[in-house]
Amino acid sequence: MANAGDRALQWRTLYEAAVLELDRNKLLQRIAEAQHAIMGRISEYEDMNRSEDGFESEALINALNALRDLRKIADSDGQPQD
């Protein structure tokens, strides 16, 4: 089983891959993978009832918000929303 450091690195790696993806055909899949990893990491915190790493908790929430916005852009084909 992976340790906490490995799991933290995993979601960050998937998040970065989504943010940096240039191929529109791969973008939504990368976003979904990153969101899944982030939600898994968040559930680890909830399962253990701990919040010892406030920096990571904040980073998880920020990453989810950024992925949500990226998905909106991808879904709109890059067109600005009114």
C-alpha atoms as a PDB file:
ATOM      1  CA  MET A   1       0.000   0.000   0.000  1.00  0.00           C
ATOM      2  CA  ALA A   2       1.253   3.465  -0.857  1.00  0.00           C
ATOM      3  CA  ASN A   3       2.183   5.795   1.960  1.00  0.00           C
ATOM      4  CA  ALA A   4       0.699   9.263   2.468  1.00  0.00           C
ATOM      5  CA  GLY A   5       3.585  10.956   0.694  1.00  0.00           C
ATOM      6  CA  ASP A   6       3.136   8.774  -2.373  1.00  0.00           C
ATOM      7  CA  ARG A   7      -0.618   9.466  -2.454  1.00  0.00           C
ATOM      8  CA  ALA A   8      -0.006  13.205  -2.099  1.00  0.00           C
ATOM      9  CA  LEU A   9       2.447  13.059  -4.981  1.00  0.00           C
ATOM     10  CA  GLN A  10      -0.003  11.016  -7.072  1.00  0.00           C
ATOM     11  CA  TRP A  11      -2.858  13.523  -6.960  1.00  0.00           C
ATOM     12  CA  ARG A  12      -0.483  16.414  -7.588  1.00  0.00           C
ATOM     13  CA  THR A  13       1.051  14.635 -10.582  1.00  0.00           C
ATOM     14  CA  LEU A  14      -2.375  13.902 -12.073  1.00  0.00           C
ATOM     15  CA  TYR A  15      -3.499  17.478 -11.392  1.00  0.00           C
ATOM     16  CA  GLU A  16      -0.443  18.902 -13.134  1.00  0.00           C
ATOM     17  CA  ALA A  17      -0.971  16.564 -16.096  1.00  0.00           C
ATOM     18  CA  ALA A  18      -4.542  17.858 -16.467  1.00  0.00           C
ATOM     19  CA  VAL A  19      -3.580  21.516 -16.199  1.00  0.00           C
ATOM     20  CA  LEU A  20      -0.752  21.119 -18.703  1.00  0.00           C
ATOM     21  CA  GLU A  21      -2.645  18.913 -21.198  1.00  0.00           C
ATOM     22  CA  LEU A  22      -2.778  20.540 -24.625  1.00  0.00           C
ATOM     23  CA  ASP A  23      -4.608  17.779 -26.472  1.00  0.00           C
ATOM     24  CA  ARG A  24      -8.320  18.571 -26.201  1.00  0.00           C
ATOM     25  CA  ASN A  25      -9.114  14.900 -26.859  1.00  0.00           C
ATOM     26  CA  LYS A  26      -7.242  13.891 -23.688  1.00  0.00           C
ATOM     27  CA  LEU A  27      -8.120  16.866 -21.487  1.00  0.00           C
ATOM     28  CA  LEU A  28     -11.453  15.682 -20.063  1.00  0.00           C
ATOM     29  CA  GLN A  29      -9.978  12.274 -19.212  1.00  0.00           C
ATOM     30  CA  ARG A  30      -7.031  13.872 -17.431  1.00  0.00           C
ATOM     31  CA  ILE A  31      -9.388  16.149 -15.500  1.00  0.00           C
ATOM     32  CA  ALA A  32     -11.487  13.146 -14.417  1.00  0.00           C
ATOM     33  CA  GLU A  33      -8.401  11.208 -13.307  1.00  0.00           C
ATOM     34  CA  ALA A  34      -7.130  14.146 -11.269  1.00  0.00           C
ATOM     35  CA  GLN A  35     -10.533  14.763  -9.680  1.00  0.00           C
ATOM     36  CA  HIS A  36     -10.811  11.092  -8.745  1.00  0.00           C
ATOM     37  CA  ALA A  37      -7.365  11.110  -7.108  1.00  0.00           C
ATOM     38  CA  ILE A  38      -8.127  14.340  -5.239  1.00  0.00           C
ATOM     39  CA  MET A  39     -11.456  13.039  -3.960  1.00  0.00           C
ATOM     40  CA  GLY A  40      -9.715   9.857  -2.825  1.00  0.00           C
ATOM     41  CA  ARG A  41      -7.159  11.898  -0.912  1.00  0.00           C
ATOM     42  CA  ILE A  42      -9.884  14.016   0.679  1.00  0.00           C
ATOM     43  CA  SER A  43     -11.739  10.892   1.773  1.00  0.00           C
ATOM     44  CA  GLU A  44      -8.557   9.670   3.477  1.00  0.00           C
ATOM     45  CA  TYR A  45      -8.617  12.800   5.619  1.00  0.00           C
ATOM     46  CA  GLU A  46     -12.299  12.290   6.409  1.00  0.00           C
ATOM     47  CA  ASP A  47     -11.830   8.593   7.197  1.00  0.00           C
ATOM     48  CA  MET A  48      -9.035   9.331   9.622  1.00  0.00           C
ATOM     49  CA  ASN A  49     -10.675  12.449  11.099  1.00  0.00           C
ATOM     50  CA  ARG A  50      -7.455  14.366  10.843  1.00  0.00           C
ATOM     51  CA  SER A  51      -6.359  17.631   9.399  1.00  0.00           C
ATOM     52  CA  GLU A  52      -2.701  17.640  10.350  1.00  0.00           C
ATOM     53  CA  ASP A  53      -1.617  18.990   6.972  1.00  0.00           C
ATOM     54  CA  GLY A  54      -3.645  22.157   6.480  1.00  0.00           C
ATOM     55  CA  PHE A  55      -1.495  23.102   3.517  1.00  0.00           C
ATOM     56  CA  GLU A  56      -2.381  19.943   1.629  1.00  0.00           C
ATOM     57  CA  SER A  57      -6.064  20.287   2.524  1.00  0.00           C
ATOM     58  CA  GLU A  58      -6.099  23.799   1.115  1.00  0.00           C
ATOM     59  CA  ALA A  59      -4.192  22.651  -1.978  1.00  0.00           C
ATOM     60  CA  LEU A  60      -6.739  19.862  -2.562  1.00  0.00           C
ATOM     61  CA  ILE A  61      -9.634  22.312  -2.475  1.00  0.00           C
ATOM     62  CA  ASN A  62      -7.813  24.788  -4.714  1.00  0.00           C
ATOM     63  CA  ALA A  63      -6.996  22.034  -7.194  1.00  0.00           C
ATOM     64  CA  LEU A  64     -10.627  20.872  -7.336  1.00  0.00           C
ATOM     65  CA  ASN A  65     -11.755  24.445  -7.982  1.00  0.00           C
ATOM     66  CA  ALA A  66      -9.186  24.880 -10.739  1.00  0.00           C
ATOM     67  CA  LEU A  67     -10.199  21.580 -12.362  1.00  0.00           C
ATOM     68  CA  ARG A  68     -13.866  22.619 -12.217  1.00  0.00           C
ATOM     69  CA  ASP A  69     -13.006  25.829 -14.060  1.00  0.00           C
ATOM     70  CA  LEU A  70     -10.828  23.964 -16.549  1.00  0.00           C
ATOM     71  CA  ARG A  71     -13.696  21.542 -17.256  1.00  0.00           C
ATOM     72  CA  LYS A  72     -16.039  24.489 -17.888  1.00  0.00           C
ATOM     73  CA  ILE A  73     -13.592  25.874 -20.408  1.00  0.00           C
ATOM     74  CA  ALA A  74     -13.118  22.485 -22.053  1.00  0.00           C
ATOM     75  CA  ASP A  75     -16.879  21.866 -22.176  1.00  0.00           C
ATOM     76  CA  SER A  76     -17.482  25.249 -23.773  1.00  0.00           C
ATOM     77  CA  ASP A  77     -14.782  24.545 -26.372  1.00  0.00           C
ATOM     78  CA  GLY A  78     -12.792  27.462 -25.053  1.00  0.00           C
ATOM     79  CA  GLN A  79     -15.514  30.028 -25.739  1.00  0.00           C
ATOM     80  CA  PRO A  80     -16.035  32.659 -23.032  1.00  0.00           C
ATOM     81  CA  GLN A  81     -19.224  32.271 -21.001  1.00  0.00           C
ATOM     82  CA  ASP A  82     -21.627  35.214 -20.526  1.00  0.00           C
END
